[in-house]
PDB file of N, CA and C in Angstrom:
ATOM      1  N   MET A   1      -9.492 -45.246 -67.453  1.00  0.00           N
ATOM      2  CA  MET A   1      -9.336 -46.687 -66.497  1.00  0.00           C
ATOM      3  C   MET A   1      -9.158 -47.044 -64.996  1.00  0.00           C
ATOM      4  N   SER A   2      -9.511 -47.371 -64.377  1.00  0.00           N
ATOM      5  CA  SER A   2      -9.250 -47.726 -63.442  1.00  0.00           C
ATOM      6  C   SER A   2      -8.818 -48.829 -62.568  1.00  0.00           C
ATOM      7  N   ALA A   3      -8.881 -49.714 -63.251  1.00  0.00           N
ATOM      8  CA  ALA A   3      -8.205 -51.615 -62.744  1.00  0.00           C
ATOM      9  C   ALA A   3      -6.667 -51.684 -63.043  1.00  0.00           C
ATOM     10  N   GLY A   4      -6.565 -50.866 -64.097  1.00  0.00           N
ATOM     11  CA  GLY A   4      -5.385 -51.293 -64.941  1.00  0.00           C
ATOM     12  C   GLY A   4      -4.708 -52.337 -65.412  1.00  0.00           C
ATOM     13  N   ASN A   5      -6.246 -52.871 -65.963  1.00  0.00           N
ATOM     14  CA  ASN A   5      -5.611 -54.539 -66.426  1.00  0.00           C
ATOM     15  C   ASN A   5      -6.233 -54.068 -67.716  1.00  0.00           C
ATOM     16  N   GLU A   6      -6.999 -52.938 -68.055  1.00  0.00           N
ATOM     17  CA  GLU A   6      -8.342 -52.544 -69.030  1.00  0.00           C
ATOM     18  C   GLU A   6      -7.616 -52.756 -70.676  1.00  0.00           C
ATOM     19  N   GLY A   7      -5.486 -52.295 -70.180  1.00  0.00           N
ATOM     20  CA  GLY A   7      -5.083 -53.177 -71.633  1.00  0.00           C
ATOM     21  C   GLY A   7      -4.886 -54.506 -72.346  1.00  0.00           C
ATOM     22  N   ALA A   8      -4.884 -55.464 -71.476  1.00  0.00           N
ATOM     23  CA  ALA A   8      -5.018 -56.697 -71.620  1.00  0.00           C
ATOM     24  C   ALA A   8      -6.376 -57.648 -72.113  1.00  0.00           C
ATOM     25  N   LEU A   9      -7.598 -56.725 -71.233  1.00  0.00           N
ATOM     26  CA  LEU A   9      -8.657 -57.315 -71.552  1.00  0.00           C
ATOM     27  C   LEU A   9      -8.781 -56.466 -73.051  1.00  0.00           C
ATOM     28  N   LEU A  10      -8.650 -55.349 -73.247  1.00  0.00           N
ATOM     29  CA  LEU A  10      -9.198 -55.024 -74.832  1.00  0.00           C
ATOM     30  C   LEU A  10      -7.735 -55.679 -76.009  1.00  0.00           C
ATOM     31  N   GLY A  11      -6.351 -55.551 -75.675  1.00  0.00           N
ATOM     32  CA  GLY A  11      -5.152 -56.688 -76.836  1.00  0.00           C
ATOM     33  C   GLY A  11      -6.568 -58.261 -76.406  1.00  0.00           C
ATOM     34  N   ALA A  12      -6.492 -58.643 -75.828  1.00  0.00           N
ATOM     35  CA  ALA A  12      -6.604 -60.287 -75.798  1.00  0.00           C
ATOM     36  C   ALA A  12      -8.858 -60.051 -76.924  1.00  0.00           C
ATOM     37  N   CYS A  13      -9.046 -58.528 -77.072  1.00  0.00           N
ATOM     38  CA  CYS A  13     -10.059 -58.843 -77.716  1.00  0.00           C
ATOM     39  C   CYS A  13     -10.313 -58.592 -79.351  1.00  0.00           C
ATOM     40  N   GLY A  14      -8.454 -58.782 -79.033  1.00  0.00           N
ATOM     41  CA  GLY A  14      -7.982 -58.431 -81.324  1.00  0.00           C
ATOM     42  C   GLY A  14      -7.935 -57.513 -80.987  1.00  0.00           C
ATOM     43  N   TYR A  15      -7.023 -56.449 -79.819  1.00  0.00           N
ATOM     44  CA  TYR A  15      -7.128 -54.903 -80.582  1.00  0.00           C
ATOM     45  C   TYR A  15      -5.224 -54.699 -80.703  1.00  0.00           C
ATOM     46  N   ASP A  16      -4.709 -54.112 -81.325  1.00  0.00           N
ATOM     47  CA  ASP A  16      -2.783 -54.098 -81.654  1.00  0.00           C
ATOM     48  C   ASP A  16      -2.686 -53.161 -80.414  1.00  0.00           C
ATOM     49  N   LEU A  17      -3.275 -51.503 -80.329  1.00  0.00           N
ATOM     50  CA  LEU A  17      -2.524 -50.707 -80.264  1.00  0.00           C
ATOM     51  C   LEU A  17      -3.778 -49.938 -79.138  1.00  0.00           C
ATOM     52  N   GLY A  18      -3.136 -49.286 -77.700  1.00  0.00           N
ATOM     53  CA  GLY A  18      -3.845 -48.718 -77.424  1.00  0.00           C
ATOM     54  C   GLY A  18      -3.663 -46.875 -77.593  1.00  0.00           C
ATOM     55  N   GLN A  19      -4.455 -46.497 -76.906  1.00  0.00           N
ATOM     56  CA  GLN A  19      -3.794 -44.545 -76.160  1.00  0.00           C
ATOM     57  C   GLN A  19      -4.669 -44.071 -74.735  1.00  0.00           C
ATOM     58  N   ILE A  20      -4.017 -43.681 -74.330  1.00  0.00           N
ATOM     59  CA  ILE A  20      -4.165 -43.032 -73.069  1.00  0.00           C
ATOM     60  C   ILE A  20      -4.326 -41.564 -73.436  1.00  0.00           C
ATOM     61  N   VAL A  21      -5.344 -40.678 -72.691  1.00  0.00           N
ATOM     62  CA  VAL A  21      -5.461 -39.653 -72.516  1.00  0.00           C
ATOM     63  C   VAL A  21      -6.448 -39.814 -71.781  1.00  0.00           C
ATOM     64  N   ASN A  22      -5.584 -38.221 -71.385  1.00  0.00           N
ATOM     65  CA  ASN A  22      -5.813 -37.643 -69.702  1.00  0.00           C
ATOM     66  C   ASN A  22      -6.820 -36.641 -69.728  1.00  0.00           C
ATOM     67  N   GLN A  23      -8.313 -37.113 -69.970  1.00  0.00           N
ATOM     68  CA  GLN A  23      -9.150 -36.699 -69.832  1.00  0.00           C
ATOM     69  C   GLN A  23      -9.114 -34.851 -69.209  1.00  0.00           C
ATOM     70  N   TRP A  24      -8.428 -34.519 -67.987  1.00  0.00           N
ATOM     71  CA  TRP A  24      -8.000 -32.941 -67.582  1.00  0.00           C
ATOM     72  C   TRP A  24      -7.762 -32.387 -67.900  1.00  0.00           C
ATOM     73  N   MET A  25      -6.580 -32.505 -69.469  1.00  0.00           N
ATOM     74  CA  MET A  25      -6.021 -31.931 -70.664  1.00  0.00           C
ATOM     75  C   MET A  25      -6.835 -31.705 -71.635  1.00  0.00           C
ATOM     76  N   HIS A  26      -8.089 -32.345 -71.621  1.00  0.00           N
ATOM     77  CA  HIS A  26      -8.800 -31.877 -73.214  1.00  0.00           C
ATOM     78  C   HIS A  26      -8.803 -30.393 -73.101  1.00  0.00           C
ATOM     79  N   TYR A  27      -8.848 -29.016 -72.204  1.00  0.00           N
ATOM     80  CA  TYR A  27      -8.622 -28.060 -72.515  1.00  0.00           C
ATOM     81  C   TYR A  27      -7.698 -27.454 -73.124  1.00  0.00           C
ATOM     82  N   PHE A  28      -7.006 -27.737 -72.823  1.00  0.00           N
ATOM     83  CA  PHE A  28      -5.430 -28.140 -73.763  1.00  0.00           C
ATOM     84  C   PHE A  28      -5.134 -28.495 -75.353  1.00  0.00           C
ATOM     85  N   LYS A  29      -5.810 -29.081 -75.879  1.00  0.00           N
ATOM     86  CA  LYS A  29      -6.428 -29.948 -77.223  1.00  0.00           C
ATOM     87  C   LYS A  29      -7.647 -28.934 -77.988  1.00  0.00           C
ATOM     88  N   GLN A  30      -7.072 -29.075 -79.382  1.00  0.00           N
ATOM     89  CA  GLN A  30      -7.056 -29.162 -79.726  1.00  0.00           C
ATOM     90  C   GLN A  30      -7.625 -30.057 -81.304  1.00  0.00           C
ATOM     91  N   PRO A  31      -9.057 -30.051 -81.851  1.00  0.00           N
ATOM     92  CA  PRO A  31      -9.395 -30.973 -83.057  1.00  0.00           C
ATOM     93  C   PRO A  31      -8.127 -30.976 -84.380  1.00  0.00           C
ATOM     94  N   PRO A  32      -8.079 -31.408 -85.122  1.00  0.00           N
ATOM     95  CA  PRO A  32      -7.280 -30.661 -86.514  1.00  0.00           C
ATOM     96  C   PRO A  32      -7.893 -29.952 -87.140  1.00  0.00           C
ATOM     97  N   GLU A  33      -7.519 -29.443 -88.316  1.00  0.00           N
ATOM     98  CA  GLU A  33      -7.594 -29.007 -88.556  1.00  0.00           C
ATOM     99  C   GLU A  33      -6.103 -28.945 -90.120  1.00  0.00           C
ATOM    100  N   PRO A  34      -7.051 -29.483 -91.367  1.00  0.00           N
ATOM    101  CA  PRO A  34      -8.433 -30.465 -91.807  1.00  0.00           C
ATOM    102  C   PRO A  34      -8.877 -31.596 -90.619  1.00  0.00           C
ATOM    103  N   ALA A  35     -10.345 -31.971 -90.507  1.00  0.00           N
ATOM    104  CA  ALA A  35     -10.464 -33.618 -89.809  1.00  0.00           C
ATOM    105  C   ALA A  35      -9.526 -34.078 -90.602  1.00  0.00           C
ATOM    106  N   ARG A  36      -9.433 -34.790 -89.847  1.00  0.00           N
ATOM    107  CA  ARG A  36      -8.889 -36.426 -90.743  1.00  0.00           C
ATOM    108  C   ARG A  36      -9.515 -37.564 -90.435  1.00  0.00           C
ATOM    109  N   GLU A  37     -10.755 -37.777 -89.902  1.00  0.00           N
ATOM    110  CA  GLU A  37     -12.187 -37.907 -90.325  1.00  0.00           C
ATOM    111  C   GLU A  37     -12.890 -37.107 -90.137  1.00  0.00           C
ATOM    112  N   GLY A  38     -14.445 -37.013 -90.959  1.00  0.00           N
ATOM    113  CA  GLY A  38     -15.508 -36.691 -90.657  1.00  0.00           C
ATOM    114  C   GLY A  38     -15.125 -34.559 -91.360  1.00  0.00           C
ATOM    115  N   THR A  39     -16.201 -33.878 -90.426  1.00  0.00           N
ATOM    116  CA  THR A  39     -16.237 -32.763 -90.423  1.00  0.00           C
ATOM    117  C   THR A  39     -15.641 -31.711 -88.989  1.00  0.00           C
ATOM    118  N   PHE A  40     -14.338 -31.038 -90.245  1.00  0.00           N
ATOM    119  CA  PHE A  40     -14.462 -29.458 -88.963  1.00  0.00           C
ATOM    120  C   PHE A  40     -15.164 -29.274 -87.991  1.00  0.00           C
ATOM    121  N   VAL A  41     -14.980 -29.245 -87.098  1.00  0.00           N
ATOM    122  CA  VAL A  41     -15.650 -28.182 -85.933  1.00  0.00           C
ATOM    123  C   VAL A  41     -14.663 -27.591 -84.751  1.00  0.00           C
ATOM    124  N   PRO A  42     -14.985 -26.258 -84.793  1.00  0.00           N
ATOM    125  CA  PRO A  42     -13.788 -25.477 -83.914  1.00  0.00           C
ATOM    126  C   PRO A  42     -14.666 -25.883 -83.043  1.00  0.00           C
ATOM    127  N   VAL A  43     -14.004 -26.108 -81.849  1.00  0.00           N
ATOM    128  CA  VAL A  43     -14.246 -26.384 -80.574  1.00  0.00           C
ATOM    129  C   VAL A  43     -13.582 -26.832 -79.273  1.00  0.00           C
ATOM    130  N   GLN A  44     -13.960 -25.549 -77.981  1.00  0.00           N
ATOM    131  CA  GLN A  44     -13.283 -24.932 -76.539  1.00  0.00           C
ATOM    132  C   GLN A  44     -13.396 -27.248 -75.861  1.00  0.00           C
ATOM    133  N   PHE A  45     -12.634 -27.469 -75.596  1.00  0.00           N
ATOM    134  CA  PHE A  45     -13.017 -28.877 -74.760  1.00  0.00           C
ATOM    135  C   PHE A  45     -12.274 -28.275 -73.930  1.00  0.00           C
ATOM    136  N   THR A  46     -14.081 -29.070 -72.544  1.00  0.00           N
ATOM    137  CA  THR A  46     -14.056 -28.505 -71.588  1.00  0.00           C
ATOM    138  C   THR A  46     -14.032 -29.708 -70.553  1.00  0.00           C
ATOM    139  N   GLY A  47     -14.018 -29.997 -69.330  1.00  0.00           N
ATOM    140  CA  GLY A  47     -13.787 -30.840 -68.914  1.00  0.00           C
ATOM    141  C   GLY A  47     -15.058 -31.286 -68.362  1.00  0.00           C
ATOM    142  N   GLU A  48     -15.899 -31.649 -69.028  1.00  0.00           N
ATOM    143  CA  GLU A  48     -17.093 -32.069 -69.354  1.00  0.00           C
ATOM    144  C   GLU A  48     -17.514 -32.188 -70.394  1.00  0.00           C
ATOM    145  N   MET A  49     -16.392 -32.919 -71.458  1.00  0.00           N
ATOM    146  CA  MET A  49     -17.517 -33.090 -72.307  1.00  0.00           C
ATOM    147  C   MET A  49     -16.715 -33.854 -72.695  1.00  0.00           C
ATOM    148  N   SER A  50     -16.426 -35.099 -73.779  1.00  0.00           N
ATOM    149  CA  SER A  50     -15.413 -35.894 -74.579  1.00  0.00           C
ATOM    150  C   SER A  50     -14.529 -35.316 -75.114  1.00  0.00           C
ATOM    151  N   GLY A  51     -14.160 -35.791 -75.658  1.00  0.00           N
ATOM    152  CA  GLY A  51     -12.357 -35.291 -76.697  1.00  0.00           C
ATOM    153  C   GLY A  51     -12.286 -36.220 -77.346  1.00  0.00           C
ATOM    154  N   LEU A  52     -11.153 -36.049 -78.209  1.00  0.00           N
ATOM    155  CA  LEU A  52     -10.981 -36.290 -79.845  1.00  0.00           C
ATOM    156  C   LEU A  52     -11.396 -38.328 -79.997  1.00  0.00           C
ATOM    157  N   PHE A  53     -11.663 -38.369 -80.691  1.00  0.00           N
ATOM    158  CA  PHE A  53     -11.725 -40.033 -80.933  1.00  0.00           C
ATOM    159  C   PHE A  53     -11.537 -40.794 -82.091  1.00  0.00           C
ATOM    160  N   GLY A  54     -10.341 -41.748 -82.338  1.00  0.00           N
ATOM    161  CA  GLY A  54     -10.136 -42.287 -83.500  1.00  0.00           C
ATOM    162  C   GLY A  54      -8.806 -41.695 -84.390  1.00  0.00           C
ATOM    163  N   ARG A  55      -9.467 -41.488 -85.858  1.00  0.00           N
ATOM    164  CA  ARG A  55      -7.734 -40.737 -86.238  1.00  0.00           C
ATOM    165  C   ARG A  55      -7.717 -39.454 -85.506  1.00  0.00           C
ATOM    166  N   GLU A  56      -8.973 -38.731 -84.986  1.00  0.00           N
ATOM    167  CA  GLU A  56      -8.004 -37.663 -85.111  1.00  0.00           C
ATOM    168  C   GLU A  56      -7.762 -37.405 -83.717  1.00  0.00           C
ATOM    169  N   LEU A  57      -7.316 -38.377 -83.211  1.00  0.00           N
ATOM    170  CA  LEU A  57      -5.977 -38.211 -82.231  1.00  0.00           C
ATOM    171  C   LEU A  57      -5.258 -38.494 -82.340  1.00  0.00           C
ATOM    172  N   ARG A  58      -3.246 -38.158 -82.355  1.00  0.00           N
ATOM    173  CA  ARG A  58      -2.454 -37.788 -82.308  1.00  0.00           C
ATOM    174  C   ARG A  58      -1.469 -39.674 -82.943  1.00  0.00           C
ATOM    175  N   ALA A  59      -1.508 -39.646 -84.623  1.00  0.00           N
ATOM    176  CA  ALA A  59      -0.901 -41.444 -84.631  1.00  0.00           C
ATOM    177  C   ALA A  59       0.192 -42.029 -83.745  1.00  0.00           C
ATOM    178  N   ALA A  60       1.020 -40.223 -83.227  1.00  0.00           N
ATOM    179  CA  ALA A  60       2.058 -41.009 -82.211  1.00  0.00           C
ATOM    180  C   ALA A  60       2.242 -41.583 -81.201  1.00  0.00           C
ATOM    181  N   LYS A  61       0.783 -40.862 -80.479  1.00  0.00           N
ATOM    182  CA  LYS A  61       0.548 -41.091 -79.638  1.00  0.00           C
ATOM    183  C   LYS A  61      -0.363 -42.745 -79.452  1.00  0.00           C
ATOM    184  N   TRP A  62      -0.069 -43.227 -80.354  1.00  0.00           N
ATOM    185  CA  TRP A  62      -0.612 -45.011 -79.853  1.00  0.00           C
ATOM    186  C   TRP A  62       0.663 -45.904 -79.421  1.00  0.00           C
ATOM    187  N   ARG A  63       0.603 -46.466 -78.688  1.00  0.00           N
ATOM    188  CA  ARG A  63       1.457 -46.732 -78.017  1.00  0.00           C
ATOM    189  C   ARG A  63       0.457 -49.194 -78.506  1.00  0.00           C
ATOM    190  N   PRO A  64       1.252 -49.544 -78.802  1.00  0.00           N
ATOM    191  CA  PRO A  64       1.536 -51.082 -78.512  1.00  0.00           C
ATOM    192  C   PRO A  64       0.142 -51.373 -77.373  1.00  0.00           C
ATOM    193  N   MET A  65      -0.918 -52.401 -77.026  1.00  0.00           N
ATOM    194  CA  MET A  65      -1.870 -52.296 -76.008  1.00  0.00           C
ATOM    195  C   MET A  65      -1.150 -52.939 -75.015  1.00  0.00           C
ATOM    196  N   THR A  66      -0.185 -54.230 -75.663  1.00  0.00           N
ATOM    197  CA  THR A  66       0.448 -54.674 -74.436  1.00  0.00           C
ATOM    198  C   THR A  66       1.573 -54.348 -73.579  1.00  0.00           C
ATOM    199  N   GLU A  67       1.741 -52.079 -73.285  1.00  0.00           N
ATOM    200  CA  GLU A  67       2.263 -51.431 -72.926  1.00  0.00           C
ATOM    201  C   GLU A  67       1.243 -50.388 -72.100  1.00  0.00           C
ATOM    202  N   THR A  68       0.116 -50.174 -72.182  1.00  0.00           N
ATOM    203  CA  THR A  68      -0.714 -49.794 -71.835  1.00  0.00           C
ATOM    204  C   THR A  68      -0.811 -49.781 -70.190  1.00  0.00           C
ATOM    205  N   ASP A  69      -1.579 -50.546 -69.867  1.00  0.00           N
ATOM    206  CA  ASP A  69      -0.993 -51.116 -68.293  1.00  0.00           C
ATOM    207  C   ASP A  69       0.040 -51.136 -67.803  1.00  0.00           C
ATOM    208  N   GLY A  70       1.090 -51.170 -68.199  1.00  0.00           N
ATOM    209  CA  GLY A  70       2.727 -50.097 -67.331  1.00  0.00           C
ATOM    210  C   GLY A  70       2.544 -49.250 -67.970  1.00  0.00           C
ATOM    211  N   ILE A  71       1.934 -48.123 -69.050  1.00  0.00           N
ATOM    212  CA  ILE A  71       2.176 -46.252 -68.593  1.00  0.00           C
ATOM    213  C   ILE A  71       1.201 -46.144 -66.625  1.00  0.00           C
ATOM    214  N   TYR A  72       0.077 -47.502 -67.815  1.00  0.00           N
ATOM    215  CA  TYR A  72      -1.455 -46.355 -66.777  1.00  0.00           C
ATOM    216  C   TYR A  72      -0.417 -46.369 -65.407  1.00  0.00           C
ATOM    217  N   ARG A  73      -0.129 -48.160 -65.001  1.00  0.00           N
ATOM    218  CA  ARG A  73       0.943 -47.598 -63.444  1.00  0.00           C
ATOM    219  C   ARG A  73       1.569 -46.822 -63.084  1.00  0.00           C
ATOM    220  N   HIS A  74       1.835 -46.726 -64.240  1.00  0.00           N
ATOM    221  CA  HIS A  74       3.365 -44.681 -63.623  1.00  0.00           C
ATOM    222  C   HIS A  74       2.520 -43.651 -62.916  1.00  0.00           C
ATOM    223  N   TRP A  75       1.223 -43.533 -64.636  1.00  0.00           N
ATOM    224  CA  TRP A  75       0.692 -42.515 -63.990  1.00  0.00           C
ATOM    225  C   TRP A  75      -0.372 -42.845 -62.886  1.00  0.00           C
ATOM    226  N   LYS A  76      -0.497 -43.417 -62.209  1.00  0.00           N
ATOM    227  CA  LYS A  76      -1.306 -43.561 -61.705  1.00  0.00           C
ATOM    228  C   LYS A  76      -0.162 -44.064 -59.822  1.00  0.00           C
ATOM    229  N   ASN A  77       0.762 -44.428 -60.175  1.00  0.00           N
ATOM    230  CA  ASN A  77       1.825 -44.255 -59.000  1.00  0.00           C
ATOM    231  C   ASN A  77       1.956 -42.810 -58.912  1.00  0.00           C
ATOM    232  N   LEU A  78       2.380 -42.019 -59.396  1.00  0.00           N
ATOM    233  CA  LEU A  78       2.202 -40.878 -59.036  1.00  0.00           C
ATOM    234  C   LEU A  78       1.470 -39.975 -59.039  1.00  0.00           C
ATOM    235  N   HIS A  79       0.108 -39.612 -59.946  1.00  0.00           N
ATOM    236  CA  HIS A  79      -1.310 -39.827 -58.947  1.00  0.00           C
ATOM    237  C   HIS A  79      -1.154 -39.861 -57.500  1.00  0.00           C
ATOM    238  N   ASP A  80      -1.581 -40.745 -57.573  1.00  0.00           N
ATOM    239  CA  ASP A  80      -1.353 -41.723 -55.977  1.00  0.00           C
ATOM    240  C   ASP A  80      -0.221 -40.636 -55.166  1.00  0.00           C
ATOM    241  N   LEU A  81       1.183 -40.164 -55.230  1.00  0.00           N
ATOM    242  CA  LEU A  81       1.227 -40.099 -54.207  1.00  0.00           C
ATOM    243  C   LEU A  81       1.175 -38.784 -54.826  1.00  0.00           C
ATOM    244  N   ASP A  82       1.396 -37.681 -55.327  1.00  0.00           N
ATOM    245  CA  ASP A  82       1.184 -36.124 -55.699  1.00  0.00           C
ATOM    246  C   ASP A  82      -0.440 -35.505 -56.579  1.00  0.00           C
ATOM    247  N   ASP A  83      -1.653 -35.900 -56.505  1.00  0.00           N
ATOM    248  CA  ASP A  83      -2.240 -35.103 -57.883  1.00  0.00           C
ATOM    249  C   ASP A  83      -2.224 -34.211 -58.388  1.00  0.00           C
ATOM    250  N   ASP A  84      -1.093 -33.547 -58.335  1.00  0.00           N
ATOM    251  CA  ASP A  84      -0.631 -32.405 -58.875  1.00  0.00           C
ATOM    252  C   ASP A  84       0.584 -32.506 -59.665  1.00  0.00           C
ATOM    253  N   LEU A  85       1.144 -33.164 -59.314  1.00  0.00           N
ATOM    254  CA  LEU A  85       2.065 -34.425 -60.557  1.00  0.00           C
ATOM    255  C   LEU A  85       2.004 -34.741 -62.212  1.00  0.00           C
ATOM    256  N   ALA A  86       0.401 -35.554 -61.540  1.00  0.00           N
ATOM    257  CA  ALA A  86      -0.074 -36.040 -62.076  1.00  0.00           C
ATOM    258  C   ALA A  86      -1.796 -36.098 -61.658  1.00  0.00           C
ATOM    259  N   PRO A  87      -2.176 -34.792 -62.257  1.00  0.00           N
ATOM    260  CA  PRO A  87      -3.720 -34.187 -62.227  1.00  0.00           C
ATOM    261  C   PRO A  87      -4.718 -35.264 -63.308  1.00  0.00           C
ATOM    262  N   GLY A  88      -6.072 -35.351 -63.002  1.00  0.00           N
ATOM    263  CA  GLY A  88      -6.885 -35.958 -64.373  1.00  0.00           C
ATOM    264  C   GLY A  88      -7.282 -37.187 -63.675  1.00  0.00           C
ATOM    265  N   TRP A  89      -7.380 -37.392 -65.366  1.00  0.00           N
ATOM    266  CA  TRP A  89      -8.084 -38.624 -64.890  1.00  0.00           C
ATOM    267  C   TRP A  89      -7.731 -38.880 -66.403  1.00  0.00           C
ATOM    268  N   LEU A  90      -8.213 -40.723 -66.576  1.00  0.00           N
ATOM    269  CA  LEU A  90      -7.723 -41.562 -67.809  1.00  0.00           C
ATOM    270  C   LEU A  90      -8.881 -42.475 -68.501  1.00  0.00           C
ATOM    271  N   ASP A  91      -8.751 -42.263 -69.801  1.00  0.00           N
ATOM    272  CA  ASP A  91      -9.625 -43.140 -70.898  1.00  0.00           C
ATOM    273  C   ASP A  91      -8.434 -43.633 -71.424  1.00  0.00           C
ATOM    274  N   LEU A  92      -9.014 -45.068 -71.588  1.00  0.00           N
ATOM    275  CA  LEU A  92      -8.251 -45.702 -72.784  1.00  0.00           C
ATOM    276  C   LEU A  92      -8.885 -46.206 -74.032  1.00  0.00           C
ATOM    277  N   HIS A  93      -8.283 -45.851 -75.412  1.00  0.00           N
ATOM    278  CA  HIS A  93      -8.821 -45.200 -76.458  1.00  0.00           C
ATOM    279  C   HIS A  93      -8.586 -46.472 -77.281  1.00  0.00           C
ATOM    280  N   ALA A  94      -9.324 -47.047 -78.200  1.00  0.00           N
ATOM    281  CA  ALA A  94      -7.819 -49.237 -78.872  1.00  0.00           C
ATOM    282  C   ALA A  94      -8.511 -49.091 -80.224  1.00  0.00           C
ATOM    283  N   ALA A  95      -7.913 -49.711 -80.789  1.00  0.00           N
ATOM    284  CA  ALA A  95      -7.679 -49.560 -81.989  1.00  0.00           C
ATOM    285  C   ALA A  95      -6.719 -50.412 -83.020  1.00  0.00           C
ATOM    286  N   LEU A  96      -7.192 -50.802 -83.845  1.00  0.00           N
ATOM    287  CA  LEU A  96      -6.303 -51.593 -84.960  1.00  0.00           C
ATOM    288  C   LEU A  96      -5.808 -50.759 -85.523  1.00  0.00           C
ATOM    289  N   ALA A  97      -4.029 -51.819 -86.033  1.00  0.00           N
ATOM    290  CA  ALA A  97      -3.084 -50.763 -86.479  1.00  0.00           C
ATOM    291  C   ALA A  97      -3.269 -50.552 -87.661  1.00  0.00           C
ATOM    292  N   ALA A  98      -4.149 -51.257 -88.171  1.00  0.00           N
ATOM    293  CA  ALA A  98      -4.138 -51.458 -89.770  1.00  0.00           C
ATOM    294  C   ALA A  98      -5.090 -50.193 -89.936  1.00  0.00           C
ATOM    295  N   ASP A  99      -5.805 -49.710 -88.789  1.00  0.00           N
ATOM    296  CA  ASP A  99      -6.424 -47.971 -89.052  1.00  0.00           C
ATOM    297  C   ASP A  99      -6.111 -46.682 -88.707  1.00  0.00           C
ATOM    298  N   VAL A 100      -4.661 -46.798 -87.668  1.00  0.00           N
ATOM    299  CA  VAL A 100      -4.244 -46.102 -87.901  1.00  0.00           C
ATOM    300  C   VAL A 100      -3.293 -45.241 -88.637  1.00  0.00           C
ATOM    301  N   THR A 101      -3.362 -44.388 -89.025  1.00  0.00           N
ATOM    302  CA  THR A 101      -2.875 -43.018 -89.924  1.00  0.00           C
ATOM    303  C   THR A 101      -0.902 -42.983 -89.725  1.00  0.00           C
ATOM    304  N   PRO A 102      -0.517 -43.623 -89.473  1.00  0.00           N
ATOM    305  CA  PRO A 102       0.831 -43.148 -89.719  1.00  0.00           C
ATOM    306  C   PRO A 102       1.792 -41.834 -89.597  1.00  0.00           C
ATOM    307  N   GLY A 103       1.748 -40.954 -88.604  1.00  0.00           N
ATOM    308  CA  GLY A 103       2.444 -39.546 -89.120  1.00  0.00           C
ATOM    309  C   GLY A 103       1.850 -38.531 -88.794  1.00  0.00           C
ATOM    310  N   THR A 104      -0.180 -39.146 -88.230  1.00  0.00           N
ATOM    311  CA  THR A 104      -0.733 -38.017 -87.900  1.00  0.00           C
ATOM    312  C   THR A 104      -1.115 -37.179 -86.376  1.00  0.00           C
TER     313      THR A 104
END
């Protein structure tokens, strides 16, 4: 995310839900076992690779797409104030509500 309006754009394309993922935090994440889709692969994510996608992302972190731009702005304001308080950079993942499995 960089412009801060990506959630509105994806919402206009029909996506219901968004999940903002701090790419800097990948090192601290592990893929779910068993895998929620596909085959489980043990991996230690680094800052040089993409992280989890789709159903592998935690369902509890999905937010209505209308909220994602505001969440980004809060993070960006803190990051601009002191990037030690909000390190990294963000990706916005989009989903249809019907494709997200509750409780995972």
